[in-house]
Structure formats: C-alpha cells, structure tokens
N, C-alpha and C. Protein backbone atom coordinates (compact mmCIF):
# COMPACT_ATOMS: atom_id res chain seq x y z
N UNK A 1 109.04 84.98 100.53
CA UNK A 1 110.46 84.78 100.44
C UNK A 1 110.97 84.32 101.81
N UNK A 2 111.84 83.35 101.80
CA UNK A 2 112.39 82.82 103.04
C UNK A 2 113.32 83.83 103.71
N UNK A 3 113.33 83.81 105.03
CA UNK A 3 114.17 84.74 105.78
C UNK A 3 115.63 84.63 105.36
N UNK A 4 116.11 83.43 105.15
CA UNK A 4 117.52 83.27 104.77
C UNK A 4 117.79 83.88 103.40
N UNK A 5 116.79 83.89 102.51
CA UNK A 5 116.94 84.53 101.20
C UNK A 5 116.94 86.06 101.34
N UNK A 6 116.12 86.57 102.23
CA UNK A 6 116.07 88.01 102.49
C UNK A 6 117.43 88.48 103.01
N UNK A 7 117.95 87.76 103.96
CA UNK A 7 119.24 88.09 104.54
C UNK A 7 120.33 88.06 103.47
N UNK A 8 120.28 87.06 102.61
CA UNK A 8 121.27 86.93 101.54
C UNK A 8 121.17 88.10 100.56
N UNK A 9 119.95 88.45 100.14
CA UNK A 9 119.75 89.55 99.19
C UNK A 9 120.29 90.87 99.73
N UNK A 10 120.18 91.06 101.04
CA UNK A 10 120.62 92.31 101.65
C UNK A 10 122.06 92.25 102.15
N UNK A 11 122.74 91.14 101.88
CA UNK A 11 124.11 90.96 102.38
C UNK A 11 124.18 91.29 103.87
N UNK A 12 123.17 90.85 104.59
CA UNK A 12 123.06 91.17 106.01
C UNK A 12 123.90 90.22 106.86
N UNK A 13 124.39 90.75 107.95
CA UNK A 13 125.15 89.94 108.90
C UNK A 13 124.34 89.76 110.17
N UNK A 14 124.48 88.59 110.75
CA UNK A 14 123.73 88.27 111.96
C UNK A 14 124.30 89.02 113.14
N UNK A 15 123.42 89.68 113.87
CA UNK A 15 123.80 90.29 115.13
C UNK A 15 123.42 89.34 116.26
N UNK A 16 122.31 88.66 116.07
CA UNK A 16 121.83 87.69 117.04
C UNK A 16 120.79 86.81 116.41
N UNK A 17 121.05 85.54 116.35
CA UNK A 17 120.08 84.59 115.80
C UNK A 17 119.66 83.67 116.93
N UNK A 18 118.47 83.87 117.39
CA UNK A 18 117.97 83.09 118.51
C UNK A 18 117.31 81.81 118.03
N UNK A 19 116.61 81.86 116.93
CA UNK A 19 115.82 80.72 116.47
C UNK A 19 116.18 80.40 115.02
N UNK A 20 116.98 79.38 114.82
CA UNK A 20 117.40 78.98 113.47
C UNK A 20 116.21 78.57 112.61
N UNK A 21 115.16 78.02 113.23
CA UNK A 21 113.97 77.60 112.46
C UNK A 21 113.30 78.79 111.77
N UNK A 22 113.43 79.99 112.35
CA UNK A 22 112.82 81.17 111.74
C UNK A 22 113.48 81.53 110.42
N UNK A 23 114.69 81.05 110.20
CA UNK A 23 115.39 81.36 108.95
C UNK A 23 114.74 80.66 107.76
N UNK A 24 113.92 79.66 108.02
CA UNK A 24 113.20 78.96 106.96
C UNK A 24 111.76 79.45 106.84
N UNK A 25 111.43 80.48 107.58
CA UNK A 25 110.08 81.03 107.55
C UNK A 25 109.89 81.88 106.30
N UNK A 26 108.68 81.84 105.75
CA UNK A 26 108.35 82.60 104.55
C UNK A 26 107.74 83.95 104.94
N UNK A 27 108.26 85.00 104.32
CA UNK A 27 107.78 86.36 104.58
C UNK A 27 107.20 86.94 103.30
N UNK A 28 106.13 87.72 103.44
CA UNK A 28 105.47 88.35 102.29
C UNK A 28 105.58 89.87 102.30
N UNK A 29 105.84 90.44 103.48
CA UNK A 29 105.77 91.89 103.64
C UNK A 29 107.03 92.46 104.28
N UNK A 30 107.25 93.73 104.03
CA UNK A 30 108.32 94.47 104.67
C UNK A 30 107.76 95.81 105.12
N UNK A 31 108.19 96.25 106.31
CA UNK A 31 107.80 97.55 106.81
C UNK A 31 109.07 98.28 107.20
N UNK A 32 109.28 99.45 106.63
CA UNK A 32 110.52 100.21 106.85
C UNK A 32 110.19 101.53 107.53
N UNK A 33 110.75 101.71 108.73
CA UNK A 33 110.50 102.95 109.46
C UNK A 33 111.50 103.11 110.60
N UNK A 34 111.75 104.35 110.96
CA UNK A 34 112.48 104.67 112.17
C UNK A 34 111.52 105.20 113.23
N UNK A 35 110.29 105.40 112.85
CA UNK A 35 109.27 105.89 113.78
C UNK A 35 108.43 104.71 114.27
N UNK A 36 108.65 104.33 115.51
CA UNK A 36 107.95 103.15 116.02
C UNK A 36 106.46 103.40 116.16
N UNK A 37 106.04 104.65 116.25
CA UNK A 37 104.60 104.94 116.27
C UNK A 37 103.97 104.56 114.93
N UNK A 38 104.71 104.74 113.83
CA UNK A 38 104.22 104.30 112.52
C UNK A 38 104.12 102.78 112.47
N UNK A 39 105.10 102.11 113.03
CA UNK A 39 105.07 100.65 113.05
C UNK A 39 103.87 100.16 113.84
N UNK A 40 103.59 100.77 114.97
CA UNK A 40 102.44 100.35 115.79
C UNK A 40 101.12 100.59 115.06
N UNK A 41 101.09 101.57 114.17
CA UNK A 41 99.87 101.86 113.42
C UNK A 41 99.61 100.80 112.35
N UNK A 42 100.59 99.95 112.05
CA UNK A 42 100.41 98.95 110.99
C UNK A 42 99.83 97.65 111.50
N UNK A 43 99.40 97.61 112.73
CA UNK A 43 98.88 96.36 113.29
C UNK A 43 97.81 95.80 112.36
N UNK A 44 98.09 94.58 111.88
CA UNK A 44 97.14 93.88 111.00
C UNK A 44 97.39 92.39 111.09
N UNK A 45 96.70 91.64 110.28
CA UNK A 45 96.80 90.18 110.34
C UNK A 45 98.09 89.64 109.73
N UNK A 46 98.86 90.47 109.06
CA UNK A 46 100.05 89.98 108.36
C UNK A 46 101.34 90.22 109.13
N UNK A 47 101.26 90.64 110.38
CA UNK A 47 102.46 90.96 111.14
C UNK A 47 103.41 89.77 111.24
N UNK A 48 102.87 88.57 111.36
CA UNK A 48 103.75 87.42 111.49
C UNK A 48 104.48 87.08 110.19
N UNK A 49 104.14 87.76 109.10
CA UNK A 49 104.80 87.56 107.81
C UNK A 49 105.53 88.83 107.37
N UNK A 50 105.85 89.69 108.33
CA UNK A 50 106.43 90.99 108.03
C UNK A 50 107.85 91.12 108.60
N UNK A 51 108.74 91.64 107.78
CA UNK A 51 110.11 91.95 108.18
C UNK A 51 110.16 93.43 108.55
N UNK A 52 110.79 93.77 109.66
CA UNK A 52 110.95 95.16 110.04
C UNK A 52 112.34 95.64 109.65
N UNK A 53 112.38 96.70 108.83
CA UNK A 53 113.62 97.40 108.49
C UNK A 53 113.64 98.70 109.28
N UNK A 54 114.70 98.93 110.02
CA UNK A 54 114.78 100.16 110.80
C UNK A 54 116.23 100.54 111.05
N UNK A 55 116.43 101.79 111.38
CA UNK A 55 117.74 102.27 111.78
C UNK A 55 117.74 102.65 113.26
N UNK A 56 116.62 102.44 113.93
CA UNK A 56 116.49 102.80 115.33
C UNK A 56 117.05 101.67 116.20
N UNK A 57 118.24 101.87 116.71
CA UNK A 57 118.96 100.84 117.46
C UNK A 57 118.84 101.04 118.96
N UNK A 58 117.65 100.84 119.45
CA UNK A 58 117.47 100.93 120.90
C UNK A 58 116.37 99.97 121.33
N UNK A 59 116.16 99.79 122.62
CA UNK A 59 115.14 98.84 123.08
C UNK A 59 113.74 99.14 122.57
N UNK A 60 113.47 100.40 122.22
CA UNK A 60 112.13 100.75 121.73
C UNK A 60 111.80 99.98 120.45
N UNK A 61 112.77 99.79 119.57
CA UNK A 61 112.49 99.04 118.33
C UNK A 61 112.17 97.58 118.66
N UNK A 62 112.83 97.03 119.66
CA UNK A 62 112.56 95.65 120.07
C UNK A 62 111.20 95.52 120.74
N UNK A 63 110.88 96.47 121.59
CA UNK A 63 109.57 96.43 122.27
C UNK A 63 108.43 96.57 121.26
N UNK A 64 108.64 97.41 120.27
CA UNK A 64 107.62 97.58 119.22
C UNK A 64 107.47 96.29 118.43
N UNK A 65 108.58 95.68 118.04
CA UNK A 65 108.53 94.42 117.30
C UNK A 65 107.84 93.34 118.13
N UNK A 66 108.09 93.34 119.42
CA UNK A 66 107.45 92.37 120.30
C UNK A 66 105.93 92.57 120.33
N UNK A 67 105.50 93.81 120.42
CA UNK A 67 104.06 94.10 120.44
C UNK A 67 103.37 93.68 119.14
N UNK A 68 104.12 93.73 118.05
CA UNK A 68 103.56 93.40 116.74
C UNK A 68 103.75 91.93 116.37
N UNK A 69 104.37 91.16 117.25
CA UNK A 69 104.67 89.75 116.99
C UNK A 69 105.56 89.56 115.77
N UNK A 70 106.49 90.50 115.56
CA UNK A 70 107.46 90.35 114.49
C UNK A 70 108.59 89.47 114.99
N UNK A 71 109.28 88.80 114.07
CA UNK A 71 110.37 87.90 114.48
C UNK A 71 111.69 88.21 113.80
N UNK A 72 111.65 88.99 112.72
CA UNK A 72 112.85 89.28 111.95
C UNK A 72 113.03 90.80 111.86
N UNK A 73 114.16 91.27 112.39
CA UNK A 73 114.47 92.69 112.38
C UNK A 73 115.80 92.87 111.66
N UNK A 74 115.82 93.78 110.70
CA UNK A 74 117.05 94.09 109.99
C UNK A 74 117.34 95.58 110.16
N UNK A 75 118.48 95.86 110.77
CA UNK A 75 118.91 97.24 110.97
C UNK A 75 119.69 97.70 109.75
N UNK A 76 119.35 98.88 109.26
CA UNK A 76 119.95 99.40 108.03
C UNK A 76 121.14 100.31 108.34
N UNK A 77 121.84 100.71 107.28
CA UNK A 77 122.97 101.63 107.36
C UNK A 77 124.11 101.09 108.24
N UNK A 78 124.21 99.75 108.32
CA UNK A 78 125.30 99.13 109.08
C UNK A 78 125.20 99.31 110.58
N UNK A 79 124.04 99.69 111.04
CA UNK A 79 123.88 99.94 112.47
C UNK A 79 123.90 98.63 113.26
N UNK A 80 124.40 98.74 114.48
CA UNK A 80 124.50 97.59 115.37
C UNK A 80 123.90 97.97 116.73
N UNK A 81 123.38 96.97 117.41
CA UNK A 81 122.84 97.18 118.75
C UNK A 81 123.96 97.11 119.77
N UNK A 82 123.82 97.87 120.85
CA UNK A 82 124.79 97.72 121.93
C UNK A 82 124.55 96.36 122.60
N UNK A 83 125.51 95.92 123.38
CA UNK A 83 125.48 94.57 123.94
C UNK A 83 124.22 94.30 124.77
N UNK A 84 123.83 95.25 125.58
CA UNK A 84 122.65 95.07 126.44
C UNK A 84 121.37 94.95 125.62
N UNK A 85 121.23 95.79 124.61
CA UNK A 85 120.03 95.76 123.76
C UNK A 85 120.01 94.48 122.93
N UNK A 86 121.15 94.04 122.44
CA UNK A 86 121.22 92.79 121.68
C UNK A 86 120.82 91.61 122.56
N UNK A 87 121.29 91.60 123.78
CA UNK A 87 120.92 90.53 124.71
C UNK A 87 119.41 90.50 124.93
N UNK A 88 118.81 91.67 125.08
CA UNK A 88 117.36 91.77 125.24
C UNK A 88 116.65 91.19 124.01
N UNK A 89 117.11 91.56 122.83
CA UNK A 89 116.50 91.06 121.60
C UNK A 89 116.58 89.55 121.47
N UNK A 90 117.70 88.99 121.87
CA UNK A 90 117.84 87.54 121.81
C UNK A 90 116.97 86.85 122.85
N UNK A 91 116.83 87.47 124.02
CA UNK A 91 115.93 86.93 125.05
C UNK A 91 114.48 86.95 124.56
N UNK A 92 114.15 87.94 123.74
CA UNK A 92 112.80 88.06 123.19
C UNK A 92 112.56 87.08 122.04
N UNK A 93 113.63 86.48 121.54
CA UNK A 93 113.48 85.48 120.50
C UNK A 93 113.55 86.00 119.08
N UNK A 94 114.10 87.19 118.88
CA UNK A 94 114.20 87.76 117.54
C UNK A 94 115.41 87.24 116.79
N UNK A 95 115.30 87.21 115.49
CA UNK A 95 116.45 87.07 114.62
C UNK A 95 116.81 88.48 114.20
N UNK A 96 118.03 88.90 114.50
CA UNK A 96 118.45 90.29 114.32
C UNK A 96 119.64 90.37 113.39
N UNK A 97 119.52 91.21 112.37
CA UNK A 97 120.57 91.35 111.36
C UNK A 97 120.86 92.82 111.11
N UNK A 98 121.99 93.06 110.45
CA UNK A 98 122.36 94.41 110.03
C UNK A 98 122.81 94.36 108.58
N UNK A 99 122.38 95.36 107.81
CA UNK A 99 122.81 95.49 106.42
C UNK A 99 123.44 96.86 106.23
N UNK A 100 124.40 96.94 105.33
CA UNK A 100 125.02 98.23 105.04
C UNK A 100 124.18 99.09 104.11
N UNK A 101 123.14 98.51 103.51
CA UNK A 101 122.27 99.28 102.63
C UNK A 101 121.49 100.33 103.42
N UNK A 102 121.15 101.42 102.74
CA UNK A 102 120.25 102.41 103.35
C UNK A 102 118.85 101.81 103.40
N UNK A 103 117.97 102.45 104.12
CA UNK A 103 116.59 101.96 104.19
C UNK A 103 115.95 101.98 102.80
N UNK A 104 116.24 103.03 102.04
CA UNK A 104 115.70 103.15 100.69
C UNK A 104 116.18 102.00 99.81
N UNK A 105 117.49 101.74 99.84
CA UNK A 105 118.05 100.67 99.02
C UNK A 105 117.52 99.31 99.44
N UNK A 106 117.51 99.04 100.73
CA UNK A 106 117.03 97.75 101.24
C UNK A 106 115.57 97.54 100.87
N UNK A 107 114.76 98.58 101.00
CA UNK A 107 113.34 98.48 100.64
C UNK A 107 113.19 98.16 99.15
N UNK A 108 113.97 98.83 98.32
CA UNK A 108 113.92 98.60 96.87
C UNK A 108 114.32 97.20 96.50
N UNK A 109 115.37 96.70 97.13
CA UNK A 109 115.83 95.33 96.85
C UNK A 109 114.74 94.33 97.22
N UNK A 110 114.14 94.50 98.37
CA UNK A 110 113.10 93.56 98.80
C UNK A 110 111.84 93.69 97.96
N UNK A 111 111.53 94.90 97.52
CA UNK A 111 110.38 95.09 96.63
C UNK A 111 110.62 94.37 95.30
N UNK A 112 111.82 94.48 94.77
CA UNK A 112 112.15 93.83 93.49
C UNK A 112 112.07 92.30 93.61
N UNK A 113 112.28 91.76 94.79
CA UNK A 113 112.21 90.31 94.96
C UNK A 113 110.80 89.82 95.19
N UNK A 114 109.84 90.74 95.28
CA UNK A 114 108.45 90.33 95.40
C UNK A 114 107.80 90.58 96.74
N UNK A 115 108.54 91.10 97.71
CA UNK A 115 107.91 91.43 98.98
C UNK A 115 107.04 92.67 98.80
N UNK A 116 105.97 92.72 99.53
CA UNK A 116 105.02 93.84 99.46
C UNK A 116 105.18 94.75 100.67
N UNK A 117 104.77 95.98 100.50
CA UNK A 117 104.75 96.91 101.63
C UNK A 117 103.63 96.49 102.56
N UNK A 118 103.92 96.49 103.85
CA UNK A 118 102.89 96.17 104.84
C UNK A 118 102.06 97.42 105.07
N UNK A 119 100.76 97.27 105.06
CA UNK A 119 99.85 98.42 105.25
C UNK A 119 99.51 98.61 106.69
C-alpha cells in the first residue's frame, strides 16, 4: 500500500514531510509499539517496507527508526512532537504524521487494508 494511501486511511495529518517521493513508496508491513526495544528486536529484511506506529513522542523513537532504516512514522492518539524533536526528524529525512486513532484502531485499519505485522 502506498504511503499516501496509508495516511489517507488513518486520516493522518503531516507533522513533517521531508521527502515527497516517499509518499509514493509501497509499504507491506506495520509495526506498532511504544517500546523501542521491541522495535529494535524486529530487525529484518523488510524494514524498508515497514511503517512504524507509536505513541512515544521523543527523540528515542526517531533514533530507533533511524537504526532500522524506517522512513514513515505515524504517531497515534493525536500525539505531536515538540518543535526540537520534529526538526530532528525532518533532518533525518522521515515523513512524520499523527493520527487521532489509538494504536489498536490504527493497527486494525491497516491490517484490514492488507498490511502485515512485521516480525
């Protein structure tokens, strides 16, 4: 599913879009967690096709996404990054969005559209 379709399905708003070309990228997987240690444990060959759903709005979530070579981060529960953290995320080249859906709801919506859980 294309990033722009994922964003549309989740009624997500852009917090920072650094690379418009990434919005046409196809994603197959979603990983939902607030525990970045769990995210780091998912290191596999599909990271570049994985969307990160999280409610953890601090630099740690960005650093973790950077280590995993993720490019699309969607913060759940309407959470927003503070200005300094958002600037860091944009410098790192992430496309960053926020949705008002809970993590459970957002995961279910993406599952229904055909995205798979990242192992």
